[in-house]
N, C-alpha and C. Protein backbone atom coordinates (compact mmCIF):
# COMPACT_ATOMS: atom_id res chain seq x y z
N MET A 1 5.63 4.73 -15.52
CA MET A 1 6.31 4.35 -14.27
C MET A 1 5.42 3.31 -13.60
N ARG A 2 6.02 2.29 -13.08
CA ARG A 2 5.26 1.25 -12.31
C ARG A 2 5.52 1.53 -10.80
N ILE A 3 4.39 1.59 -10.09
CA ILE A 3 4.43 1.93 -8.64
C ILE A 3 3.74 0.85 -7.83
N LEU A 4 4.43 0.48 -6.74
CA LEU A 4 3.88 -0.48 -5.78
C LEU A 4 3.43 0.26 -4.55
N GLY A 5 2.14 0.24 -4.28
CA GLY A 5 1.61 0.90 -3.09
C GLY A 5 1.44 -0.11 -2.02
N ILE A 6 1.75 0.26 -0.79
CA ILE A 6 1.68 -0.63 0.40
C ILE A 6 0.90 -0.02 1.52
N ASP A 7 -0.08 -0.73 2.09
CA ASP A 7 -0.79 -0.37 3.25
C ASP A 7 -0.35 -1.38 4.33
N PRO A 8 0.61 -1.01 5.20
CA PRO A 8 1.17 -1.94 6.14
C PRO A 8 0.22 -2.43 7.25
N GLY A 9 0.48 -3.61 7.70
CA GLY A 9 -0.26 -4.23 8.83
C GLY A 9 0.38 -5.52 9.16
N LEU A 10 -0.01 -6.05 10.32
CA LEU A 10 0.52 -7.36 10.73
C LEU A 10 -0.29 -8.51 10.18
N ALA A 11 -1.59 -8.47 10.40
CA ALA A 11 -2.49 -9.52 9.87
C ALA A 11 -2.60 -9.49 8.39
N ARG A 12 -2.66 -8.26 7.84
CA ARG A 12 -2.84 -8.11 6.38
C ARG A 12 -2.03 -6.90 5.90
N VAL A 13 -1.23 -7.13 4.89
CA VAL A 13 -0.52 -5.99 4.25
C VAL A 13 -1.21 -5.85 2.90
N GLY A 14 -1.83 -4.68 2.66
CA GLY A 14 -2.44 -4.41 1.39
C GLY A 14 -1.39 -4.01 0.36
N TYR A 15 -1.56 -4.45 -0.89
CA TYR A 15 -0.60 -4.01 -1.91
C TYR A 15 -1.43 -3.67 -3.17
N GLY A 16 -0.93 -2.75 -3.95
CA GLY A 16 -1.52 -2.41 -5.25
C GLY A 16 -0.42 -2.00 -6.18
N VAL A 17 -0.52 -2.46 -7.37
CA VAL A 17 0.47 -2.15 -8.38
C VAL A 17 -0.22 -1.41 -9.52
N ILE A 18 0.30 -0.25 -9.81
CA ILE A 18 -0.23 0.56 -10.91
C ILE A 18 0.87 0.88 -11.93
N ASP A 19 0.40 1.07 -13.15
CA ASP A 19 1.31 1.53 -14.22
C ASP A 19 0.85 2.84 -14.71
N THR A 20 1.70 3.77 -14.92
CA THR A 20 1.36 5.08 -15.39
C THR A 20 2.03 5.32 -16.74
N SER A 21 1.25 5.54 -17.72
CA SER A 21 1.78 5.86 -19.06
C SER A 21 0.74 6.59 -19.87
N ASP A 22 1.19 7.46 -20.75
CA ASP A 22 0.31 8.20 -21.63
C ASP A 22 -0.75 9.00 -20.82
N GLY A 23 -0.40 9.47 -19.68
CA GLY A 23 -1.30 10.29 -18.88
C GLY A 23 -2.40 9.51 -18.19
N GLN A 24 -2.29 8.20 -18.22
CA GLN A 24 -3.35 7.37 -17.57
C GLN A 24 -2.67 6.40 -16.57
N GLN A 25 -3.48 6.11 -15.52
CA GLN A 25 -3.01 5.17 -14.53
C GLN A 25 -3.87 3.89 -14.66
N THR A 26 -3.18 2.75 -14.67
CA THR A 26 -3.85 1.46 -14.84
C THR A 26 -3.47 0.54 -13.68
N MET A 27 -4.44 -0.15 -13.09
CA MET A 27 -4.18 -1.11 -12.04
C MET A 27 -3.73 -2.41 -12.75
N LEU A 28 -2.58 -2.90 -12.24
CA LEU A 28 -2.06 -4.14 -12.73
C LEU A 28 -2.41 -5.30 -11.80
N ASP A 29 -2.35 -5.04 -10.51
CA ASP A 29 -2.59 -6.06 -9.50
C ASP A 29 -2.95 -5.42 -8.19
N CYS A 30 -3.68 -6.09 -7.38
CA CYS A 30 -3.88 -5.69 -5.99
C CYS A 30 -4.32 -6.91 -5.15
N GLY A 31 -4.11 -6.80 -3.89
CA GLY A 31 -4.46 -7.88 -2.96
C GLY A 31 -3.90 -7.67 -1.60
N ILE A 32 -3.79 -8.72 -0.86
CA ILE A 32 -3.20 -8.64 0.48
C ILE A 32 -2.22 -9.79 0.71
N ILE A 33 -1.22 -9.49 1.58
CA ILE A 33 -0.38 -10.50 2.16
C ILE A 33 -0.99 -10.80 3.48
N ARG A 34 -1.47 -11.97 3.64
CA ARG A 34 -2.13 -12.37 4.88
C ARG A 34 -1.16 -13.22 5.75
N THR A 35 -1.13 -12.91 7.03
CA THR A 35 -0.31 -13.75 7.94
C THR A 35 -1.16 -14.51 8.88
N ASP A 36 -0.72 -15.70 9.26
CA ASP A 36 -1.53 -16.58 10.12
C ASP A 36 -1.43 -16.10 11.58
N PRO A 37 -2.55 -15.87 12.23
CA PRO A 37 -2.56 -15.39 13.62
C PRO A 37 -1.95 -16.45 14.56
N GLY A 38 -1.85 -17.66 14.10
CA GLY A 38 -1.27 -18.73 14.93
C GLY A 38 0.26 -18.70 14.93
N TYR A 39 0.80 -17.97 14.02
CA TYR A 39 2.29 -17.85 13.97
C TYR A 39 2.75 -16.83 14.98
N SER A 40 4.03 -16.97 15.33
CA SER A 40 4.61 -15.95 16.20
C SER A 40 4.80 -14.65 15.40
N GLU A 41 5.01 -13.52 16.07
CA GLU A 41 5.26 -12.28 15.38
C GLU A 41 6.36 -12.39 14.44
N GLY A 42 7.49 -12.99 14.90
CA GLY A 42 8.64 -13.17 14.00
C GLY A 42 8.34 -13.97 12.77
N GLU A 43 7.58 -15.02 12.85
CA GLU A 43 7.20 -15.83 11.73
C GLU A 43 6.32 -15.03 10.78
N ARG A 44 5.48 -14.21 11.35
CA ARG A 44 4.55 -13.39 10.53
C ARG A 44 5.39 -12.34 9.72
N MET A 45 6.42 -11.81 10.35
CA MET A 45 7.28 -10.86 9.69
C MET A 45 8.03 -11.52 8.51
N VAL A 46 8.44 -12.75 8.74
CA VAL A 46 9.15 -13.50 7.64
C VAL A 46 8.16 -13.71 6.45
N VAL A 47 6.91 -14.03 6.70
CA VAL A 47 5.92 -14.24 5.66
C VAL A 47 5.78 -12.96 4.86
N ILE A 48 5.61 -11.81 5.60
CA ILE A 48 5.48 -10.50 4.93
C ILE A 48 6.67 -10.22 4.01
N ALA A 49 7.87 -10.45 4.51
CA ALA A 49 9.09 -10.23 3.72
C ALA A 49 9.13 -11.14 2.50
N GLN A 50 8.85 -12.40 2.69
CA GLN A 50 8.89 -13.36 1.58
C GLN A 50 7.90 -13.03 0.47
N ASP A 51 6.68 -12.79 0.85
CA ASP A 51 5.60 -12.49 -0.13
C ASP A 51 5.89 -11.13 -0.82
N LEU A 52 6.38 -10.17 -0.08
CA LEU A 52 6.70 -8.86 -0.69
C LEU A 52 7.84 -9.05 -1.70
N ARG A 53 8.82 -9.83 -1.35
CA ARG A 53 9.90 -10.14 -2.31
C ARG A 53 9.36 -10.68 -3.62
N GLN A 54 8.42 -11.65 -3.51
CA GLN A 54 7.83 -12.24 -4.69
C GLN A 54 7.06 -11.20 -5.52
N LEU A 55 6.36 -10.31 -4.87
CA LEU A 55 5.63 -9.28 -5.64
C LEU A 55 6.61 -8.34 -6.38
N ILE A 56 7.69 -7.96 -5.70
CA ILE A 56 8.65 -7.06 -6.30
C ILE A 56 9.33 -7.75 -7.48
N ARG A 57 9.64 -9.02 -7.37
CA ARG A 57 10.28 -9.72 -8.45
C ARG A 57 9.32 -9.90 -9.61
N ALA A 58 8.06 -10.14 -9.32
CA ALA A 58 7.02 -10.35 -10.37
C ALA A 58 6.69 -9.08 -11.15
N TRP A 59 6.56 -7.93 -10.40
CA TRP A 59 6.09 -6.71 -11.05
C TRP A 59 7.23 -5.72 -11.33
N ARG A 60 8.36 -5.81 -10.70
CA ARG A 60 9.50 -4.89 -10.95
C ARG A 60 9.12 -3.40 -10.90
N PRO A 61 8.58 -2.99 -9.75
CA PRO A 61 8.18 -1.57 -9.66
C PRO A 61 9.42 -0.69 -9.71
N GLU A 62 9.16 0.55 -10.08
CA GLU A 62 10.22 1.60 -10.12
C GLU A 62 10.19 2.51 -8.90
N LEU A 63 9.04 2.45 -8.20
CA LEU A 63 8.82 3.28 -7.00
C LEU A 63 7.94 2.52 -6.05
N ALA A 64 8.24 2.66 -4.79
CA ALA A 64 7.35 2.14 -3.72
C ALA A 64 6.77 3.27 -2.93
N SER A 65 5.44 3.19 -2.72
CA SER A 65 4.74 4.24 -1.97
C SER A 65 4.13 3.57 -0.78
N VAL A 66 4.45 4.08 0.40
CA VAL A 66 4.01 3.38 1.66
C VAL A 66 3.26 4.28 2.57
N GLU A 67 2.19 3.83 3.09
CA GLU A 67 1.42 4.62 4.07
C GLU A 67 2.23 4.76 5.38
N LYS A 68 2.35 5.98 5.85
CA LYS A 68 3.00 6.20 7.16
C LYS A 68 2.09 5.75 8.24
N PHE A 69 2.63 5.26 9.29
CA PHE A 69 1.74 4.77 10.39
C PHE A 69 1.18 5.95 11.11
N PHE A 70 -0.13 5.85 11.30
CA PHE A 70 -0.85 6.87 12.06
C PHE A 70 -1.00 6.38 13.47
N PHE A 71 -0.36 7.07 14.43
CA PHE A 71 -0.35 6.56 15.81
C PHE A 71 -1.68 6.70 16.48
N TYR A 72 -2.07 5.66 17.13
CA TYR A 72 -3.28 5.64 17.97
C TYR A 72 -3.04 4.58 19.02
N ARG A 73 -3.88 4.68 20.01
CA ARG A 73 -3.68 3.75 21.15
C ARG A 73 -4.38 2.44 20.84
N SER A 74 -3.65 1.42 20.70
CA SER A 74 -4.18 0.14 20.39
C SER A 74 -3.21 -0.96 20.86
N SER A 75 -3.75 -2.13 21.08
CA SER A 75 -2.90 -3.18 21.56
C SER A 75 -1.94 -3.74 20.49
N ASN A 76 -2.23 -3.47 19.23
CA ASN A 76 -1.37 -4.01 18.17
C ASN A 76 -0.47 -2.94 17.54
N THR A 77 -0.39 -1.74 18.11
CA THR A 77 0.38 -0.65 17.54
C THR A 77 1.81 -1.03 17.27
N ILE A 78 2.51 -1.64 18.23
CA ILE A 78 3.89 -1.99 18.11
C ILE A 78 4.12 -2.98 17.04
N ALA A 79 3.23 -4.02 16.98
CA ALA A 79 3.37 -5.04 15.96
C ALA A 79 3.16 -4.49 14.54
N VAL A 80 2.28 -3.52 14.36
CA VAL A 80 2.06 -2.93 13.06
C VAL A 80 3.28 -2.10 12.65
N VAL A 81 3.80 -1.38 13.61
CA VAL A 81 5.05 -0.60 13.34
C VAL A 81 6.19 -1.52 12.94
N GLN A 82 6.30 -2.64 13.62
CA GLN A 82 7.38 -3.60 13.27
C GLN A 82 7.15 -4.19 11.87
N ALA A 83 5.92 -4.48 11.54
CA ALA A 83 5.60 -5.02 10.19
C ALA A 83 5.96 -3.98 9.14
N ARG A 84 5.64 -2.71 9.45
CA ARG A 84 5.98 -1.64 8.51
C ARG A 84 7.50 -1.57 8.31
N GLY A 85 8.26 -1.76 9.39
CA GLY A 85 9.70 -1.76 9.31
C GLY A 85 10.20 -2.94 8.39
N VAL A 86 9.58 -4.05 8.49
CA VAL A 86 9.94 -5.16 7.60
C VAL A 86 9.68 -4.78 6.15
N VAL A 87 8.53 -4.12 5.89
CA VAL A 87 8.20 -3.67 4.54
C VAL A 87 9.26 -2.72 4.05
N ILE A 88 9.59 -1.65 4.80
CA ILE A 88 10.61 -0.72 4.38
C ILE A 88 11.94 -1.36 4.13
N MET A 89 12.38 -2.28 5.03
CA MET A 89 13.63 -2.98 4.82
C MET A 89 13.61 -3.83 3.56
N THR A 90 12.51 -4.50 3.31
CA THR A 90 12.49 -5.33 2.09
C THR A 90 12.52 -4.51 0.84
N LEU A 91 11.79 -3.44 0.83
CA LEU A 91 11.82 -2.50 -0.34
C LEU A 91 13.22 -1.94 -0.52
N SER A 92 13.85 -1.59 0.54
CA SER A 92 15.19 -1.02 0.48
C SER A 92 16.23 -2.04 -0.02
N ARG A 93 16.09 -3.25 0.31
CA ARG A 93 16.99 -4.27 -0.15
C ARG A 93 16.97 -4.42 -1.67
N PHE A 94 15.83 -4.06 -2.31
CA PHE A 94 15.75 -4.12 -3.73
C PHE A 94 16.15 -2.78 -4.38
N GLY A 95 16.58 -1.82 -3.52
CA GLY A 95 17.02 -0.55 -4.04
C GLY A 95 15.90 0.34 -4.57
N LEU A 96 14.66 0.01 -4.16
CA LEU A 96 13.54 0.87 -4.63
C LEU A 96 13.50 2.19 -3.97
N PRO A 97 13.30 3.24 -4.68
CA PRO A 97 13.01 4.52 -4.06
C PRO A 97 11.65 4.37 -3.29
N ILE A 98 11.60 4.99 -2.12
CA ILE A 98 10.40 4.88 -1.25
C ILE A 98 9.94 6.25 -0.93
N VAL A 99 8.66 6.47 -1.11
CA VAL A 99 7.96 7.68 -0.68
C VAL A 99 6.96 7.26 0.38
N GLU A 100 6.70 8.13 1.38
CA GLU A 100 5.81 7.79 2.44
C GLU A 100 4.83 8.90 2.67
N PHE A 101 3.57 8.51 2.93
CA PHE A 101 2.53 9.51 3.13
C PHE A 101 1.62 9.12 4.30
N PRO A 102 1.29 10.11 5.12
CA PRO A 102 0.29 9.88 6.20
C PRO A 102 -1.09 9.81 5.56
N PRO A 103 -2.04 9.20 6.28
CA PRO A 103 -3.40 9.06 5.78
C PRO A 103 -4.05 10.37 5.28
N MET A 104 -3.87 11.44 6.01
CA MET A 104 -4.50 12.71 5.61
C MET A 104 -3.97 13.20 4.27
N GLN A 105 -2.71 13.00 4.01
CA GLN A 105 -2.09 13.43 2.77
C GLN A 105 -2.63 12.58 1.57
N ILE A 106 -2.84 11.30 1.85
CA ILE A 106 -3.41 10.40 0.80
C ILE A 106 -4.82 10.85 0.47
N LYS A 107 -5.62 11.12 1.49
CA LYS A 107 -6.99 11.61 1.27
C LYS A 107 -7.01 12.92 0.52
N GLN A 108 -6.10 13.83 0.93
CA GLN A 108 -5.97 15.12 0.21
C GLN A 108 -5.64 14.92 -1.25
N ALA A 109 -4.68 14.06 -1.51
CA ALA A 109 -4.21 13.87 -2.91
C ALA A 109 -5.32 13.35 -3.79
N LEU A 110 -6.17 12.44 -3.20
CA LEU A 110 -7.20 11.80 -4.02
C LEU A 110 -8.48 12.53 -4.10
N THR A 111 -8.88 13.21 -3.01
CA THR A 111 -10.21 13.78 -2.95
C THR A 111 -10.21 15.30 -2.85
N GLY A 112 -9.07 15.88 -2.55
CA GLY A 112 -8.97 17.34 -2.40
C GLY A 112 -9.13 17.82 -0.97
N HIS A 113 -9.53 16.90 -0.05
CA HIS A 113 -9.51 17.27 1.34
C HIS A 113 -9.12 16.10 2.20
N GLY A 114 -8.39 16.43 3.28
CA GLY A 114 -7.73 15.44 4.19
C GLY A 114 -8.64 14.73 5.09
N HIS A 115 -9.91 15.10 5.14
CA HIS A 115 -10.81 14.42 6.05
C HIS A 115 -11.87 13.61 5.29
N ALA A 116 -11.57 13.16 4.11
CA ALA A 116 -12.48 12.35 3.33
C ALA A 116 -12.71 11.02 4.01
N ASP A 117 -13.87 10.44 3.79
CA ASP A 117 -14.16 9.13 4.36
C ASP A 117 -13.73 8.06 3.33
N LYS A 118 -13.82 6.81 3.82
CA LYS A 118 -13.36 5.66 2.96
C LYS A 118 -14.05 5.59 1.65
N ASP A 119 -15.38 5.90 1.67
CA ASP A 119 -16.13 5.82 0.40
C ASP A 119 -15.64 6.83 -0.63
N GLU A 120 -15.34 8.04 -0.17
CA GLU A 120 -14.83 9.05 -1.05
C GLU A 120 -13.50 8.69 -1.65
N VAL A 121 -12.66 8.11 -0.83
CA VAL A 121 -11.30 7.68 -1.31
C VAL A 121 -11.49 6.54 -2.29
N LEU A 122 -12.39 5.60 -1.99
CA LEU A 122 -12.61 4.46 -2.88
C LEU A 122 -13.15 4.95 -4.21
N GLU A 123 -14.07 5.88 -4.22
CA GLU A 123 -14.60 6.41 -5.47
C GLU A 123 -13.53 7.08 -6.31
N ALA A 124 -12.64 7.79 -5.62
CA ALA A 124 -11.49 8.44 -6.34
C ALA A 124 -10.55 7.39 -6.94
N VAL A 125 -10.27 6.34 -6.19
CA VAL A 125 -9.40 5.26 -6.72
C VAL A 125 -10.07 4.61 -7.97
N MET A 126 -11.35 4.33 -7.89
CA MET A 126 -12.06 3.76 -9.02
C MET A 126 -12.05 4.69 -10.23
N ARG A 127 -12.25 5.97 -10.01
CA ARG A 127 -12.27 6.96 -11.07
C ARG A 127 -10.91 7.04 -11.71
N GLU A 128 -9.85 7.21 -10.90
CA GLU A 128 -8.52 7.39 -11.41
C GLU A 128 -7.98 6.14 -12.15
N LEU A 129 -8.44 4.97 -11.76
CA LEU A 129 -7.96 3.73 -12.39
C LEU A 129 -8.93 3.17 -13.36
N ASN A 130 -10.08 3.91 -13.56
CA ASN A 130 -11.12 3.50 -14.51
C ASN A 130 -11.65 2.11 -14.18
N LEU A 131 -11.91 1.84 -12.91
CA LEU A 131 -12.41 0.52 -12.46
C LEU A 131 -13.95 0.53 -12.43
N GLU A 132 -14.53 -0.57 -12.85
CA GLU A 132 -16.00 -0.72 -12.82
C GLU A 132 -16.49 -1.15 -11.46
N SER A 133 -15.66 -1.91 -10.75
CA SER A 133 -16.02 -2.41 -9.43
C SER A 133 -14.91 -2.09 -8.43
N PRO A 134 -15.30 -1.97 -7.18
CA PRO A 134 -14.26 -1.58 -6.17
C PRO A 134 -13.25 -2.73 -5.98
N PRO A 135 -12.00 -2.41 -5.85
CA PRO A 135 -11.00 -3.39 -5.53
C PRO A 135 -11.25 -3.97 -4.13
N ARG A 136 -11.04 -5.19 -3.92
CA ARG A 136 -11.28 -5.85 -2.65
C ARG A 136 -10.10 -6.66 -2.26
N PRO A 137 -9.76 -6.87 -1.01
CA PRO A 137 -10.43 -6.31 0.14
C PRO A 137 -10.03 -4.80 0.36
N ASP A 138 -10.56 -4.21 1.37
CA ASP A 138 -10.30 -2.80 1.66
C ASP A 138 -8.85 -2.46 1.74
N ASP A 139 -8.01 -3.36 2.31
CA ASP A 139 -6.58 -3.12 2.43
C ASP A 139 -5.90 -2.96 1.00
N ALA A 140 -6.44 -3.70 0.01
CA ALA A 140 -5.90 -3.60 -1.29
C ALA A 140 -6.30 -2.29 -1.93
N ALA A 141 -7.54 -1.87 -1.73
CA ALA A 141 -8.03 -0.59 -2.21
C ALA A 141 -7.18 0.54 -1.63
N ASP A 142 -6.90 0.45 -0.33
CA ASP A 142 -6.12 1.48 0.38
C ASP A 142 -4.74 1.52 -0.23
N ALA A 143 -4.11 0.36 -0.55
CA ALA A 143 -2.80 0.33 -1.14
C ALA A 143 -2.78 0.93 -2.52
N LEU A 144 -3.88 0.76 -3.29
CA LEU A 144 -3.95 1.48 -4.57
C LEU A 144 -4.01 2.97 -4.37
N ALA A 145 -4.73 3.43 -3.31
CA ALA A 145 -4.77 4.87 -3.03
C ALA A 145 -3.35 5.36 -2.65
N VAL A 146 -2.59 4.56 -1.94
CA VAL A 146 -1.21 4.93 -1.63
C VAL A 146 -0.38 5.04 -2.90
N ALA A 147 -0.51 4.07 -3.80
CA ALA A 147 0.24 4.07 -5.05
C ALA A 147 -0.09 5.28 -5.87
N LEU A 148 -1.40 5.62 -6.00
CA LEU A 148 -1.78 6.78 -6.72
C LEU A 148 -1.18 8.06 -6.12
N THR A 149 -1.16 8.14 -4.82
CA THR A 149 -0.61 9.32 -4.15
C THR A 149 0.86 9.41 -4.50
N GLY A 150 1.59 8.31 -4.55
CA GLY A 150 2.96 8.31 -4.95
C GLY A 150 3.15 8.92 -6.36
N TRP A 151 2.25 8.62 -7.26
CA TRP A 151 2.30 9.15 -8.62
C TRP A 151 1.96 10.68 -8.60
N PHE A 152 0.92 11.01 -7.89
CA PHE A 152 0.47 12.42 -7.87
C PHE A 152 1.50 13.32 -7.23
N GLN A 153 2.25 12.80 -6.22
CA GLN A 153 3.13 13.65 -5.44
C GLN A 153 4.59 13.55 -5.89
N ARG A 154 4.83 12.91 -7.01
CA ARG A 154 6.21 12.66 -7.44
C ARG A 154 6.95 13.96 -7.77
């Protein structure tokens, strides 16, 4: 099964594509969709949708796994939630099944406890995908963790 993991954001949307076969998970691609802070919010949403469409067409995932937004008080909370909505809408337009996980569930799935720190999650991602070096940037590594959670929780 090919899974597209998404770590939503406005400035950067992390993505990771994994393939699961023969009991192994393999990273196919990871990176970020970056939006220009000089653009309006609407223009940034368009960039996210366009780039995500290109990723879906290129990799043809069978499942999308998206991090649920963890609410906190911040000046960009609404913009991030809106960007996440664009992600969900774009995935839905391609008819992809979507699973969603809050951060604690992702940490639990990868490390065995929901209060793991970033380094523990990163080590788990590297171990599960048999990577010699950490995926960069952090948003891409987070998206791979989301994709793996989608596989583990299927």
